[in-house]
Amino acid sequence: MNRSETEYWLNDFMPAELSVHPAGGVHIGIAEFSGQAIACTTNFARVDTGLQVEGEGTPTDVRSELFTVIDGSAVPAVRVLGTAVDVLRKNASVLPAEPGTMLPDLAHRSGILEDQFGFDSGITILHGLLVPPFMWGGPVPQFTEAAGDVHGEGVTPGAGRLTVMLQLIMLTNEERERVMREGMSRFLSEVQAEQIPVHNWRR
């Protein structure tokens, strides 16, 4: 898919229509709903981080569009997401865009820990973690293109493409240590049970 096709696909399942803006080397869509905001890439799928569907006769690249959700203003979410894209793109050969990938110090790198005047912003989350999306409460949205039908940027000759949604959640130091110690699955089970308010970046 090219960017306009991706935006059409995304708007089919987002909670509100995306308003898309360029952000560095990527385009990010923003939607606000029920006191929350979502920031979502619309052309990150052009970035190849080396993932393919296993067991396929014809190679099929696995690409993703990233999104994150925050309580309140979308501004910190856009900055964090743009920084995550930059980190993944620059380290594509060693850092796959897949569930379980940790992005340490993402908040500091994106500059959201201070406001525009240099004062503490009140944001307490520090690290990024890529996880399977849970906001839809069902199957993860995905789009398949057969070999020969893939178009847009970053096409691998002779390969198909599977584009999936990938969620970025932000963790405190203590939460990151817990994920490293106990694994991602147990932590996410509590997130989905609404015991950990991951959309509150000032928790």
C-alpha atoms as a PDB file:
ATOM      1  CA  MET A   1       0.000   0.000   0.000  1.00  0.00           C
ATOM      2  CA  ASN A   2       1.082   3.537  -0.583  1.00  0.00           C
ATOM      3  CA  ARG A   3       0.468   6.177   2.081  1.00  0.00           C
ATOM      4  CA  SER A   4      -2.976   7.283   0.908  1.00  0.00           C
ATOM      5  CA  GLU A   5      -4.162   3.665   0.741  1.00  0.00           C
ATOM      6  CA  THR A   6      -2.752   3.018   4.203  1.00  0.00           C
ATOM      7  CA  GLU A   7      -4.607   6.031   5.603  1.00  0.00           C
ATOM      8  CA  TYR A   8      -7.858   4.767   4.068  1.00  0.00           C
ATOM      9  CA  TRP A   9      -7.258   1.331   5.634  1.00  0.00           C
ATOM     10  CA  LEU A  10      -6.427   2.819   9.049  1.00  0.00           C
ATOM     11  CA  ASN A  11      -9.527   4.988   9.146  1.00  0.00           C
ATOM     12  CA  ASP A  12     -11.643   1.871   8.720  1.00  0.00           C
ATOM     13  CA  PHE A  13     -10.885   0.747  12.287  1.00  0.00           C
ATOM     14  CA  MET A  14      -9.563   3.768  14.186  1.00  0.00           C
ATOM     15  CA  PRO A  15     -11.903   5.208  16.859  1.00  0.00           C
ATOM     16  CA  ALA A  16     -11.917   8.581  15.064  1.00  0.00           C
ATOM     17  CA  GLU A  17     -10.728   9.873  11.703  1.00  0.00           C
ATOM     18  CA  LEU A  18      -7.005  10.563  11.537  1.00  0.00           C
ATOM     19  CA  SER A  19      -5.622  14.017  10.821  1.00  0.00           C
ATOM     20  CA  VAL A  20      -2.287  13.290   9.119  1.00  0.00           C
ATOM     21  CA  HIS A  21       0.820  15.480   9.337  1.00  0.00           C
ATOM     22  CA  PRO A  22       4.495  15.043   8.361  1.00  0.00           C
ATOM     23  CA  ALA A  23       6.742  14.394  11.357  1.00  0.00           C
ATOM     24  CA  GLY A  24      10.393  14.105  10.429  1.00  0.00           C
ATOM     25  CA  GLY A  25      10.820  11.235   7.995  1.00  0.00           C
ATOM     26  CA  VAL A  26       7.352   9.786   8.523  1.00  0.00           C
ATOM     27  CA  HIS A  27       3.702  10.824   8.437  1.00  0.00           C
ATOM     28  CA  ILE A  28       1.693  10.515  11.653  1.00  0.00           C
ATOM     29  CA  GLY A  29      -2.063  10.534  11.975  1.00  0.00           C
ATOM     30  CA  ILE A  30      -3.712  11.976  15.086  1.00  0.00           C
ATOM     31  CA  ALA A  31      -7.181  11.265  16.438  1.00  0.00           C
ATOM     32  CA  GLU A  32      -8.733  12.486  19.684  1.00  0.00           C
ATOM     33  CA  PHE A  33     -11.613  10.722  21.399  1.00  0.00           C
ATOM     34  CA  SER A  34     -13.123  10.431  24.903  1.00  0.00           C
ATOM     35  CA  GLY A  35     -10.327  12.389  26.602  1.00  0.00           C
ATOM     36  CA  GLN A  36      -7.610  10.344  24.911  1.00  0.00           C
ATOM     37  CA  ALA A  37      -5.472  10.772  21.824  1.00  0.00           C
ATOM     38  CA  ILE A  38      -3.954   8.281  19.427  1.00  0.00           C
ATOM     39  CA  ALA A  39      -0.905   8.859  17.246  1.00  0.00           C
ATOM     40  CA  CYS A  40      -0.344   6.424  14.392  1.00  0.00           C
ATOM     41  CA  THR A  41       2.193   6.161  11.584  1.00  0.00           C
ATOM     42  CA  THR A  42       0.825   5.977   8.052  1.00  0.00           C
ATOM     43  CA  ASN A  43       3.953   5.004   6.120  1.00  0.00           C
ATOM     44  CA  PHE A  44       6.241   3.129   8.520  1.00  0.00           C
ATOM     45  CA  ALA A  45       5.518  -0.071   6.553  1.00  0.00           C
ATOM     46  CA  ARG A  46       8.159   1.015   4.045  1.00  0.00           C
ATOM     47  CA  VAL A  47      10.816   0.267   6.707  1.00  0.00           C
ATOM     48  CA  ASP A  48      12.188  -3.285   6.472  1.00  0.00           C
ATOM     49  CA  THR A  49      13.372  -4.612   9.847  1.00  0.00           C
ATOM     50  CA  GLY A  50      14.030  -8.116   8.510  1.00  0.00           C
ATOM     51  CA  LEU A  51      10.792  -9.910   9.429  1.00  0.00           C
ATOM     52  CA  GLN A  52       9.119 -12.460   7.139  1.00  0.00           C
ATOM     53  CA  VAL A  53       6.245 -14.940   7.438  1.00  0.00           C
ATOM     54  CA  GLU A  54       7.738 -18.349   8.223  1.00  0.00           C
ATOM     55  CA  GLY A  55       6.927 -21.405   6.121  1.00  0.00           C
ATOM     56  CA  GLU A  56       5.678 -19.531   3.064  1.00  0.00           C
ATOM     57  CA  GLY A  57       6.704 -20.774  -0.379  1.00  0.00           C
ATOM     58  CA  THR A  58       6.804 -17.222  -1.679  1.00  0.00           C
ATOM     59  CA  PRO A  59       8.606 -14.743   0.595  1.00  0.00           C
ATOM     60  CA  THR A  60       6.221 -12.469   2.488  1.00  0.00           C
ATOM     61  CA  ASP A  61       7.624  -9.467   4.324  1.00  0.00           C
ATOM     62  CA  VAL A  62       6.063  -8.530   7.651  1.00  0.00           C
ATOM     63  CA  ARG A  63       5.785  -4.770   7.995  1.00  0.00           C
ATOM     64  CA  SER A  64       3.923  -2.659  10.533  1.00  0.00           C
ATOM     65  CA  GLU A  65       2.288   0.641  11.301  1.00  0.00           C
ATOM     66  CA  LEU A  66       2.958   1.842  14.843  1.00  0.00           C
ATOM     67  CA  PHE A  67       0.553   3.592  17.175  1.00  0.00           C
ATOM     68  CA  THR A  68       0.380   4.752  20.768  1.00  0.00           C
ATOM     69  CA  VAL A  69      -2.456   6.009  22.983  1.00  0.00           C
ATOM     70  CA  ILE A  70      -2.256   8.691  25.675  1.00  0.00           C
ATOM     71  CA  ASP A  71      -4.653  10.323  28.108  1.00  0.00           C
ATOM     72  CA  GLY A  72      -4.968  13.998  27.207  1.00  0.00           C
ATOM     73  CA  SER A  73      -2.958  15.891  24.590  1.00  0.00           C
ATOM     74  CA  ALA A  74      -1.574  14.123  21.521  1.00  0.00           C
ATOM     75  CA  VAL A  75       1.636  16.187  21.482  1.00  0.00           C
ATOM     76  CA  PRO A  76       3.794  13.884  23.676  1.00  0.00           C
ATOM     77  CA  ALA A  77       2.488  10.841  21.794  1.00  0.00           C
ATOM     78  CA  VAL A  78       3.502  12.309  18.434  1.00  0.00           C
ATOM     79  CA  ARG A  79       6.991  13.131  19.694  1.00  0.00           C
ATOM     80  CA  VAL A  80       7.502   9.693  21.233  1.00  0.00           C
ATOM     81  CA  LEU A  81       6.186   7.890  18.161  1.00  0.00           C
ATOM     82  CA  GLY A  82       8.407   9.913  15.839  1.00  0.00           C
ATOM     83  CA  THR A  83      11.432   9.094  17.986  1.00  0.00           C
ATOM     84  CA  ALA A  84      10.524   5.393  18.029  1.00  0.00           C
ATOM     85  CA  VAL A  85      10.329   5.409  14.230  1.00  0.00           C
ATOM     86  CA  ASP A  86      13.744   7.063  14.025  1.00  0.00           C
ATOM     87  CA  VAL A  87      15.310   4.508  16.400  1.00  0.00           C
ATOM     88  CA  LEU A  88      13.818   1.533  14.547  1.00  0.00           C
ATOM     89  CA  ARG A  89      14.746   2.877  11.123  1.00  0.00           C
ATOM     90  CA  LYS A  90      18.358   3.585  12.077  1.00  0.00           C
ATOM     91  CA  ASN A  91      18.727   0.164  13.719  1.00  0.00           C
ATOM     92  CA  ALA A  92      16.589  -1.869  11.305  1.00  0.00           C
ATOM     93  CA  SER A  93      19.212  -4.588  10.872  1.00  0.00           C
ATOM     94  CA  VAL A  94      19.336  -5.423  14.597  1.00  0.00           C
ATOM     95  CA  LEU A  95      16.106  -4.074  16.129  1.00  0.00           C
ATOM     96  CA  PRO A  96      12.968  -5.733  14.718  1.00  0.00           C
ATOM     97  CA  ALA A  97       9.611  -3.984  14.769  1.00  0.00           C
ATOM     98  CA  GLU A  98       7.845  -6.797  16.606  1.00  0.00           C
ATOM     99  CA  PRO A  99       6.167  -7.461  19.975  1.00  0.00           C
ATOM    100  CA  GLY A 100       8.671  -7.617  22.821  1.00  0.00           C
ATOM    101  CA  THR A 101      11.140  -5.100  21.411  1.00  0.00           C
ATOM    102  CA  MET A 102      12.131  -2.638  24.134  1.00  0.00           C
ATOM    103  CA  LEU A 103      13.111   0.956  23.346  1.00  0.00           C
ATOM    104  CA  PRO A 104      14.989   2.220  26.426  1.00  0.00           C
ATOM    105  CA  ASP A 105      14.956   5.900  27.423  1.00  0.00           C
ATOM    106  CA  LEU A 106      12.469   6.748  24.675  1.00  0.00           C
ATOM    107  CA  ALA A 107      10.847   9.537  26.685  1.00  0.00           C
ATOM    108  CA  HIS A 108      14.188  11.240  27.318  1.00  0.00           C
ATOM    109  CA  ARG A 109      15.238  10.877  23.681  1.00  0.00           C
ATOM    110  CA  SER A 110      12.007  12.467  22.505  1.00  0.00           C
ATOM    111  CA  GLY A 111      12.298  15.400  24.919  1.00  0.00           C
ATOM    112  CA  ILE A 112       8.872  15.007  26.543  1.00  0.00           C
ATOM    113  CA  LEU A 113      10.137  15.022  30.136  1.00  0.00           C
ATOM    114  CA  GLU A 114      10.441  18.822  30.043  1.00  0.00           C
ATOM    115  CA  ASP A 115       7.957  21.414  28.825  1.00  0.00           C
ATOM    116  CA  GLN A 116       8.775  24.190  26.351  1.00  0.00           C
ATOM    117  CA  PHE A 117      10.187  26.303  29.187  1.00  0.00           C
ATOM    118  CA  GLY A 118      12.536  23.600  30.474  1.00  0.00           C
ATOM    119  CA  PHE A 119      10.448  22.673  33.513  1.00  0.00           C
ATOM    120  CA  ASP A 120       9.420  19.171  34.544  1.00  0.00           C
ATOM    121  CA  SER A 121       6.462  18.166  32.355  1.00  0.00           C
ATOM    122  CA  GLY A 122       5.073  15.770  34.960  1.00  0.00           C
ATOM    123  CA  ILE A 123       5.432  12.800  32.621  1.00  0.00           C
ATOM    124  CA  THR A 124       6.827   9.808  34.523  1.00  0.00           C
ATOM    125  CA  ILE A 125       7.018   7.066  31.894  1.00  0.00           C
ATOM    126  CA  LEU A 126      10.489   6.496  30.443  1.00  0.00           C
ATOM    127  CA  HIS A 127      10.791   3.430  28.198  1.00  0.00           C
ATOM    128  CA  GLY A 128       8.935   2.133  25.157  1.00  0.00           C
ATOM    129  CA  LEU A 129       7.739  -1.438  24.594  1.00  0.00           C
ATOM    130  CA  LEU A 130       6.239  -2.778  21.362  1.00  0.00           C
ATOM    131  CA  VAL A 131       3.270  -5.065  22.053  1.00  0.00           C
ATOM    132  CA  PRO A 132       0.415  -6.793  20.217  1.00  0.00           C
ATOM    133  CA  PRO A 133      -2.464  -4.287  20.042  1.00  0.00           C
ATOM    134  CA  PHE A 134      -5.176  -4.748  22.660  1.00  0.00           C
ATOM    135  CA  MET A 135      -7.402  -1.717  22.054  1.00  0.00           C
ATOM    136  CA  TRP A 136      -9.701  -3.554  19.619  1.00  0.00           C
ATOM    137  CA  GLY A 137     -10.324  -6.495  21.936  1.00  0.00           C
ATOM    138  CA  GLY A 138     -10.064  -8.996  19.081  1.00  0.00           C
ATOM    139  CA  PRO A 139      -7.990  -9.864  16.011  1.00  0.00           C
ATOM    140  CA  VAL A 140      -5.177  -7.468  15.158  1.00  0.00           C
ATOM    141  CA  PRO A 141      -5.955  -5.458  11.999  1.00  0.00           C
ATOM    142  CA  GLN A 142      -3.788  -6.625   9.111  1.00  0.00           C
ATOM    143  CA  PHE A 143      -3.573  -6.246   5.349  1.00  0.00           C
ATOM    144  CA  THR A 144      -2.086  -8.780   2.928  1.00  0.00           C
ATOM    145  CA  GLU A 145      -0.636  -8.033  -0.499  1.00  0.00           C
ATOM    146  CA  ALA A 146       0.453 -10.863  -2.785  1.00  0.00           C
ATOM    147  CA  ALA A 147       3.822 -10.859  -4.525  1.00  0.00           C
ATOM    148  CA  GLY A 148       3.542  -8.647  -7.580  1.00  0.00           C
ATOM    149  CA  ASP A 149       0.744  -6.567  -6.055  1.00  0.00           C
ATOM    150  CA  VAL A 150       2.878  -4.743  -3.479  1.00  0.00           C
ATOM    151  CA  HIS A 151       3.435  -1.098  -4.299  1.00  0.00           C
ATOM    152  CA  GLY A 152       4.508   2.037  -2.535  1.00  0.00           C
ATOM    153  CA  GLU A 153       7.918   2.513  -0.925  1.00  0.00           C
ATOM    154  CA  GLY A 154      10.290  -0.146   0.405  1.00  0.00           C
ATOM    155  CA  VAL A 155       9.128  -2.960  -1.889  1.00  0.00           C
ATOM    156  CA  THR A 156      11.147  -6.206  -1.791  1.00  0.00           C
ATOM    157  CA  PRO A 157      11.268  -7.625  -5.356  1.00  0.00           C
ATOM    158  CA  GLY A 158       9.393 -10.934  -5.626  1.00  0.00           C
ATOM    159  CA  ALA A 159       7.945 -10.780  -2.112  1.00  0.00           C
ATOM    160  CA  GLY A 160       4.431 -10.296  -0.794  1.00  0.00           C
ATOM    161  CA  ARG A 161       3.696  -8.127   2.203  1.00  0.00           C
ATOM    162  CA  LEU A 162       1.726  -8.525   5.415  1.00  0.00           C
ATOM    163  CA  THR A 163       1.112  -5.194   7.153  1.00  0.00           C
ATOM    164  CA  VAL A 164       0.031  -5.418  10.797  1.00  0.00           C
ATOM    165  CA  MET A 165      -0.674  -2.930  13.555  1.00  0.00           C
ATOM    166  CA  LEU A 166       1.890  -2.725  16.357  1.00  0.00           C
ATOM    167  CA  GLN A 167       1.243  -0.846  19.592  1.00  0.00           C
ATOM    168  CA  LEU A 168       3.812   1.172  21.516  1.00  0.00           C
ATOM    169  CA  ILE A 169       3.200   1.418  25.253  1.00  0.00           C
ATOM    170  CA  MET A 170       5.291   3.444  27.657  1.00  0.00           C
ATOM    171  CA  LEU A 171       6.704   2.065  30.911  1.00  0.00           C
ATOM    172  CA  THR A 172       8.094   3.429  34.159  1.00  0.00           C
ATOM    173  CA  ASN A 173      11.475   2.177  35.392  1.00  0.00           C
ATOM    174  CA  GLU A 174       9.745  -0.250  37.747  1.00  0.00           C
ATOM    175  CA  GLU A 175       7.479  -1.601  35.005  1.00  0.00           C
ATOM    176  CA  ARG A 176      10.387  -2.105  32.639  1.00  0.00           C
ATOM    177  CA  GLU A 177      12.273  -4.061  35.306  1.00  0.00           C
ATOM    178  CA  ARG A 178       9.201  -6.179  35.890  1.00  0.00           C
ATOM    179  CA  VAL A 179       8.781  -6.954  32.183  1.00  0.00           C
ATOM    180  CA  MET A 180      12.452  -7.906  31.961  1.00  0.00           C
ATOM    181  CA  ARG A 181      12.090 -10.137  35.013  1.00  0.00           C
ATOM    182  CA  GLU A 182       8.658 -11.725  34.499  1.00  0.00           C
ATOM    183  CA  GLY A 183       8.105 -11.414  30.766  1.00  0.00           C
ATOM    184  CA  MET A 184       5.721  -9.376  28.666  1.00  0.00           C
ATOM    185  CA  SER A 185       2.685 -11.701  28.751  1.00  0.00           C
ATOM    186  CA  ARG A 186       2.014 -11.441  32.468  1.00  0.00           C
ATOM    187  CA  PHE A 187       2.357  -7.670  32.400  1.00  0.00           C
ATOM    188  CA  LEU A 188      -0.023  -7.336  29.445  1.00  0.00           C
ATOM    189  CA  SER A 189      -2.626  -9.529  31.109  1.00  0.00           C
ATOM    190  CA  GLU A 190      -2.828  -6.952  33.900  1.00  0.00           C
ATOM    191  CA  VAL A 191      -2.915  -4.103  31.391  1.00  0.00           C
ATOM    192  CA  GLN A 192      -5.861  -5.705  29.606  1.00  0.00           C
ATOM    193  CA  ALA A 193      -7.592  -6.244  32.952  1.00  0.00           C
ATOM    194  CA  GLU A 194      -7.230  -2.467  33.449  1.00  0.00           C
ATOM    195  CA  GLN A 195      -5.044  -2.929  36.511  1.00  0.00           C
ATOM    196  CA  ILE A 196      -2.231  -0.865  34.967  1.00  0.00           C
ATOM    197  CA  PRO A 197      -3.300   2.453  33.344  1.00  0.00           C
ATOM    198  CA  VAL A 198      -0.711   2.482  30.539  1.00  0.00           C
ATOM    199  CA  HIS A 199      -2.436   5.375  28.755  1.00  0.00           C
ATOM    200  CA  ASN A 200      -1.754   7.618  31.749  1.00  0.00           C
ATOM    201  CA  TRP A 201       1.782   8.842  31.113  1.00  0.00           C
ATOM    202  CA  ARG A 202       1.857  10.631  34.478  1.00  0.00           C
ATOM    203  CA  ARG A 203       1.169   7.539  36.582  1.00  0.00           C
END
